[in-house]
């Protein structure tokens, strides 16, 4: 299996549109260039996707490092964020996350 190493010929918009038409509602969007890097999420990309596909539930993955990143993703309308490495490395604490989610 080659996972992230192969480039698809299908564009992201074409992929989302095809799956929305088939009934999918939730998409995990992974920026593989940021995945595991703890360098911040691709907020500009997610902002564009939210504008193009307001009915889609989008979950951000890749680069989420701080609770401020989580807040920024929430502000652009992301349905969620994958924060595994940030929790593992301690750049986001459970207490910080609870505080952000309580807002």
N, C-alpha and C. Protein backbone atom coordinates (compact mmCIF):
# COMPACT_ATOMS: atom_id res chain seq x y z
N UNK A 1 0.82 -1.18 0.00
CA UNK A 1 0.00 0.00 0.00
C UNK A 1 0.87 1.25 0.00
N UNK A 2 0.47 2.27 -0.72
CA UNK A 2 1.30 3.45 -0.84
C UNK A 2 0.72 4.68 -0.14
N UNK A 3 -0.49 4.58 0.37
CA UNK A 3 -1.15 5.64 1.15
C UNK A 3 -0.90 7.03 0.60
N UNK A 4 -0.18 7.85 1.35
CA UNK A 4 -0.02 9.26 1.00
C UNK A 4 0.96 9.48 -0.15
N UNK A 5 1.68 8.47 -0.59
CA UNK A 5 2.75 8.69 -1.56
C UNK A 5 2.29 8.81 -3.00
N UNK A 6 1.07 8.43 -3.29
CA UNK A 6 0.57 8.53 -4.66
C UNK A 6 -0.30 9.76 -4.83
N UNK A 7 -0.13 10.43 -5.94
CA UNK A 7 -0.93 11.60 -6.27
C UNK A 7 -2.16 11.14 -7.05
N UNK A 8 -3.33 11.58 -6.63
CA UNK A 8 -4.56 11.25 -7.32
C UNK A 8 -4.78 12.19 -8.49
N UNK A 9 -5.45 11.72 -9.50
CA UNK A 9 -5.82 12.58 -10.62
C UNK A 9 -7.13 13.31 -10.33
N UNK A 10 -7.85 12.88 -9.31
CA UNK A 10 -9.12 13.51 -8.95
C UNK A 10 -8.86 14.73 -8.07
N UNK A 11 -9.55 15.81 -8.36
CA UNK A 11 -9.40 17.02 -7.55
C UNK A 11 -10.22 16.88 -6.27
N UNK A 12 -9.85 17.65 -5.26
CA UNK A 12 -10.59 17.63 -4.01
C UNK A 12 -12.05 18.05 -4.21
N UNK A 13 -12.32 19.14 -4.94
CA UNK A 13 -13.73 19.50 -5.17
C UNK A 13 -14.51 18.39 -5.87
N UNK A 14 -13.94 17.74 -6.87
CA UNK A 14 -14.64 16.66 -7.57
C UNK A 14 -14.93 15.50 -6.61
N UNK A 15 -13.98 15.19 -5.75
CA UNK A 15 -14.15 14.12 -4.77
C UNK A 15 -15.31 14.45 -3.82
N UNK A 16 -15.28 15.65 -3.25
CA UNK A 16 -16.33 16.04 -2.30
C UNK A 16 -17.69 16.07 -2.98
N UNK A 17 -17.76 16.64 -4.17
CA UNK A 17 -19.03 16.73 -4.88
C UNK A 17 -19.60 15.35 -5.18
N UNK A 18 -18.76 14.42 -5.61
CA UNK A 18 -19.22 13.07 -5.93
C UNK A 18 -19.76 12.37 -4.69
N UNK A 19 -19.07 12.51 -3.58
CA UNK A 19 -19.53 11.83 -2.37
C UNK A 19 -20.72 12.52 -1.73
N UNK A 20 -20.82 13.84 -1.84
CA UNK A 20 -22.03 14.53 -1.38
C UNK A 20 -23.24 14.05 -2.17
N UNK A 21 -23.06 13.93 -3.49
CA UNK A 21 -24.15 13.46 -4.35
C UNK A 21 -24.56 12.03 -4.00
N UNK A 22 -23.61 11.25 -3.51
CA UNK A 22 -23.90 9.86 -3.13
C UNK A 22 -24.47 9.75 -1.72
N UNK A 23 -24.56 10.87 -1.01
CA UNK A 23 -25.16 10.86 0.32
C UNK A 23 -24.21 11.02 1.49
N UNK A 24 -22.92 11.12 1.25
CA UNK A 24 -21.98 11.35 2.34
C UNK A 24 -22.19 12.74 2.91
N UNK A 25 -21.96 12.89 4.20
CA UNK A 25 -22.13 14.20 4.83
C UNK A 25 -20.89 14.66 5.58
N UNK A 26 -20.04 13.74 5.98
CA UNK A 26 -18.88 14.07 6.81
C UNK A 26 -17.60 13.64 6.12
N UNK A 27 -16.62 14.53 6.14
CA UNK A 27 -15.35 14.27 5.49
C UNK A 27 -14.20 14.62 6.44
N UNK A 28 -13.23 13.73 6.56
CA UNK A 28 -12.00 14.05 7.28
C UNK A 28 -11.02 14.58 6.24
N UNK A 29 -10.58 15.80 6.45
CA UNK A 29 -9.68 16.47 5.51
C UNK A 29 -8.28 16.51 6.10
N UNK A 30 -7.39 15.71 5.56
CA UNK A 30 -6.02 15.64 6.07
C UNK A 30 -5.07 16.35 5.13
N UNK A 31 -4.38 17.35 5.65
CA UNK A 31 -3.31 17.99 4.90
C UNK A 31 -2.05 17.19 5.20
N UNK A 32 -1.69 16.29 4.28
CA UNK A 32 -0.59 15.36 4.55
C UNK A 32 0.75 16.06 4.69
N UNK A 33 0.87 17.28 4.16
CA UNK A 33 2.13 18.00 4.33
C UNK A 33 2.29 18.51 5.76
N UNK A 34 1.19 18.55 6.51
CA UNK A 34 1.22 19.03 7.89
C UNK A 34 1.00 17.90 8.90
N UNK A 35 0.59 16.75 8.42
CA UNK A 35 0.24 15.64 9.30
C UNK A 35 1.42 15.24 10.17
N UNK A 36 1.23 15.29 11.48
CA UNK A 36 2.26 14.91 12.43
C UNK A 36 3.35 15.94 12.63
N UNK A 37 3.23 17.11 11.99
CA UNK A 37 4.29 18.12 12.05
C UNK A 37 4.11 19.14 13.18
N UNK A 38 2.90 19.24 13.72
CA UNK A 38 2.61 20.22 14.77
C UNK A 38 3.03 21.63 14.35
N UNK A 39 2.64 22.01 13.14
CA UNK A 39 2.98 23.33 12.61
C UNK A 39 1.75 24.16 12.27
N UNK A 40 0.61 23.79 12.80
CA UNK A 40 -0.62 24.53 12.54
C UNK A 40 -1.40 23.94 11.38
N UNK A 41 -2.72 24.05 11.45
CA UNK A 41 -3.59 23.49 10.42
C UNK A 41 -3.65 24.37 9.17
N UNK A 42 -4.16 23.81 8.11
CA UNK A 42 -4.34 24.51 6.83
C UNK A 42 -5.64 25.31 6.87
N UNK A 43 -5.69 26.30 7.74
CA UNK A 43 -6.92 27.05 7.98
C UNK A 43 -7.46 27.72 6.72
N UNK A 44 -6.60 28.25 5.88
CA UNK A 44 -7.06 28.90 4.65
C UNK A 44 -7.76 27.90 3.73
N UNK A 45 -7.19 26.71 3.62
CA UNK A 45 -7.82 25.66 2.80
C UNK A 45 -9.18 25.29 3.36
N UNK A 46 -9.25 25.13 4.67
CA UNK A 46 -10.52 24.75 5.30
C UNK A 46 -11.56 25.85 5.17
N UNK A 47 -11.12 27.10 5.23
CA UNK A 47 -12.05 28.22 5.05
C UNK A 47 -12.66 28.16 3.65
N UNK A 48 -11.85 27.92 2.65
CA UNK A 48 -12.33 27.80 1.27
C UNK A 48 -13.29 26.64 1.13
N UNK A 49 -12.94 25.50 1.69
CA UNK A 49 -13.82 24.32 1.60
C UNK A 49 -15.15 24.58 2.29
N UNK A 50 -15.15 25.25 3.44
CA UNK A 50 -16.40 25.55 4.15
C UNK A 50 -17.28 26.46 3.29
N UNK A 51 -16.66 27.41 2.60
CA UNK A 51 -17.43 28.31 1.73
C UNK A 51 -18.01 27.56 0.54
N UNK A 52 -17.23 26.65 -0.04
CA UNK A 52 -17.68 25.90 -1.21
C UNK A 52 -18.73 24.84 -0.86
N UNK A 53 -18.63 24.25 0.32
CA UNK A 53 -19.50 23.12 0.70
C UNK A 53 -20.09 23.33 2.08
N UNK A 54 -20.98 24.31 2.22
CA UNK A 54 -21.52 24.62 3.55
C UNK A 54 -22.34 23.47 4.16
N UNK A 55 -22.86 22.58 3.35
CA UNK A 55 -23.65 21.47 3.88
C UNK A 55 -22.78 20.33 4.39
N UNK A 56 -21.52 20.29 4.00
CA UNK A 56 -20.62 19.20 4.41
C UNK A 56 -20.11 19.44 5.82
N UNK A 57 -20.01 18.37 6.57
CA UNK A 57 -19.37 18.39 7.89
C UNK A 57 -17.91 18.04 7.66
N UNK A 58 -17.02 18.99 7.92
CA UNK A 58 -15.60 18.78 7.64
C UNK A 58 -14.82 18.69 8.95
N UNK A 59 -13.97 17.68 9.04
CA UNK A 59 -13.12 17.46 10.21
C UNK A 59 -11.67 17.70 9.76
N UNK A 60 -11.00 18.61 10.44
CA UNK A 60 -9.62 18.96 10.09
C UNK A 60 -8.64 17.96 10.68
N UNK A 61 -7.64 17.62 9.90
CA UNK A 61 -6.58 16.73 10.36
C UNK A 61 -5.26 17.19 9.78
N UNK A 62 -4.25 17.18 10.61
CA UNK A 62 -2.92 17.57 10.15
C UNK A 62 -2.52 18.93 10.66
N UNK A 63 -1.52 18.96 11.51
CA UNK A 63 -0.93 20.21 11.96
C UNK A 63 -1.52 20.85 13.19
N UNK A 64 -2.67 20.38 13.66
CA UNK A 64 -3.30 21.00 14.83
C UNK A 64 -2.34 20.86 16.01
N UNK A 65 -1.96 22.01 16.59
CA UNK A 65 -0.90 22.03 17.60
C UNK A 65 -1.35 22.59 18.94
N UNK A 66 -2.18 23.62 18.91
CA UNK A 66 -2.58 24.31 20.14
C UNK A 66 -4.09 24.42 20.22
N UNK A 67 -4.57 24.79 21.40
CA UNK A 67 -5.99 25.02 21.56
C UNK A 67 -6.42 26.23 20.73
N UNK A 68 -5.50 27.16 20.46
CA UNK A 68 -5.81 28.29 19.57
C UNK A 68 -6.10 27.79 18.15
N UNK A 69 -5.41 26.74 17.72
CA UNK A 69 -5.70 26.13 16.41
C UNK A 69 -7.12 25.56 16.40
N UNK A 70 -7.49 24.91 17.48
CA UNK A 70 -8.84 24.34 17.59
C UNK A 70 -9.87 25.46 17.52
N UNK A 71 -9.61 26.56 18.22
CA UNK A 71 -10.53 27.71 18.20
C UNK A 71 -10.63 28.30 16.80
N UNK A 72 -9.50 28.41 16.10
CA UNK A 72 -9.51 28.96 14.74
C UNK A 72 -10.30 28.07 13.79
N UNK A 73 -10.14 26.77 13.94
CA UNK A 73 -10.90 25.84 13.10
C UNK A 73 -12.39 25.91 13.41
N UNK A 74 -12.71 26.06 14.66
CA UNK A 74 -14.11 26.21 15.06
C UNK A 74 -14.69 27.48 14.45
N UNK A 75 -13.89 28.56 14.46
CA UNK A 75 -14.34 29.85 13.93
C UNK A 75 -14.65 29.80 12.44
N UNK A 76 -13.94 28.95 11.68
CA UNK A 76 -14.23 28.84 10.25
C UNK A 76 -15.32 27.82 9.96
N UNK A 77 -15.83 27.16 11.00
CA UNK A 77 -16.97 26.27 10.82
C UNK A 77 -16.64 24.80 10.68
N UNK A 78 -15.44 24.41 11.06
CA UNK A 78 -15.11 22.98 10.99
C UNK A 78 -15.92 22.22 12.02
N UNK A 79 -16.35 21.02 11.67
CA UNK A 79 -17.16 20.20 12.56
C UNK A 79 -16.32 19.54 13.65
N UNK A 80 -15.02 19.46 13.44
CA UNK A 80 -14.14 18.85 14.42
C UNK A 80 -12.70 18.94 13.97
N UNK A 81 -11.83 18.43 14.83
CA UNK A 81 -10.40 18.41 14.53
C UNK A 81 -9.78 17.18 15.16
N UNK A 82 -8.86 16.57 14.46
CA UNK A 82 -8.11 15.44 14.99
C UNK A 82 -6.85 16.00 15.65
N UNK A 83 -6.69 15.71 16.93
CA UNK A 83 -5.63 16.35 17.72
C UNK A 83 -4.74 15.33 18.42
N UNK A 84 -4.66 14.13 17.89
CA UNK A 84 -3.93 13.05 18.55
C UNK A 84 -2.50 13.38 18.91
N UNK A 85 -1.69 13.83 17.97
CA UNK A 85 -0.29 14.09 18.26
C UNK A 85 -0.14 15.25 19.24
N UNK A 86 -0.98 16.27 19.12
CA UNK A 86 -0.92 17.41 20.04
C UNK A 86 -1.19 16.96 21.47
N UNK A 87 -2.14 16.06 21.65
CA UNK A 87 -2.39 15.52 22.99
C UNK A 87 -1.21 14.68 23.46
N UNK A 88 -0.70 13.85 22.58
CA UNK A 88 0.41 12.97 22.91
C UNK A 88 1.66 13.76 23.30
N UNK A 89 1.94 14.83 22.55
CA UNK A 89 3.12 15.65 22.80
C UNK A 89 2.91 16.69 23.90
N UNK A 90 1.65 16.88 24.34
CA UNK A 90 1.35 17.82 25.40
C UNK A 90 1.23 19.26 24.97
N UNK A 91 1.10 19.52 23.65
CA UNK A 91 0.94 20.90 23.19
C UNK A 91 -0.51 21.37 23.35
N UNK A 92 -1.41 20.42 23.56
CA UNK A 92 -2.79 20.69 23.96
C UNK A 92 -3.05 19.81 25.17
N UNK A 93 -3.57 20.43 26.22
CA UNK A 93 -3.92 19.63 27.40
C UNK A 93 -5.42 19.39 27.42
N UNK A 94 -5.79 18.38 28.14
CA UNK A 94 -7.21 18.06 28.28
C UNK A 94 -7.96 19.23 28.92
N UNK A 95 -7.34 19.88 29.90
CA UNK A 95 -7.98 21.03 30.56
C UNK A 95 -8.19 22.18 29.59
N UNK A 96 -7.19 22.48 28.76
CA UNK A 96 -7.33 23.54 27.76
C UNK A 96 -8.45 23.22 26.79
N UNK A 97 -8.49 21.99 26.36
CA UNK A 97 -9.51 21.57 25.41
C UNK A 97 -10.90 21.67 26.00
N UNK A 98 -11.04 21.24 27.23
CA UNK A 98 -12.35 21.37 27.91
C UNK A 98 -12.77 22.81 28.01
N UNK A 99 -11.82 23.69 28.32
CA UNK A 99 -12.12 25.11 28.40
C UNK A 99 -12.58 25.67 27.06
N UNK A 100 -11.92 25.28 25.99
CA UNK A 100 -12.29 25.75 24.65
C UNK A 100 -13.66 25.21 24.25
N UNK A 101 -13.92 23.97 24.54
CA UNK A 101 -15.18 23.36 24.15
C UNK A 101 -16.35 23.90 24.96
N UNK A 102 -16.08 24.43 26.14
CA UNK A 102 -17.14 25.00 26.98
C UNK A 102 -17.59 26.38 26.48
N UNK A 103 -16.81 26.98 25.58
CA UNK A 103 -17.16 28.34 25.08
C UNK A 103 -18.29 28.30 24.11
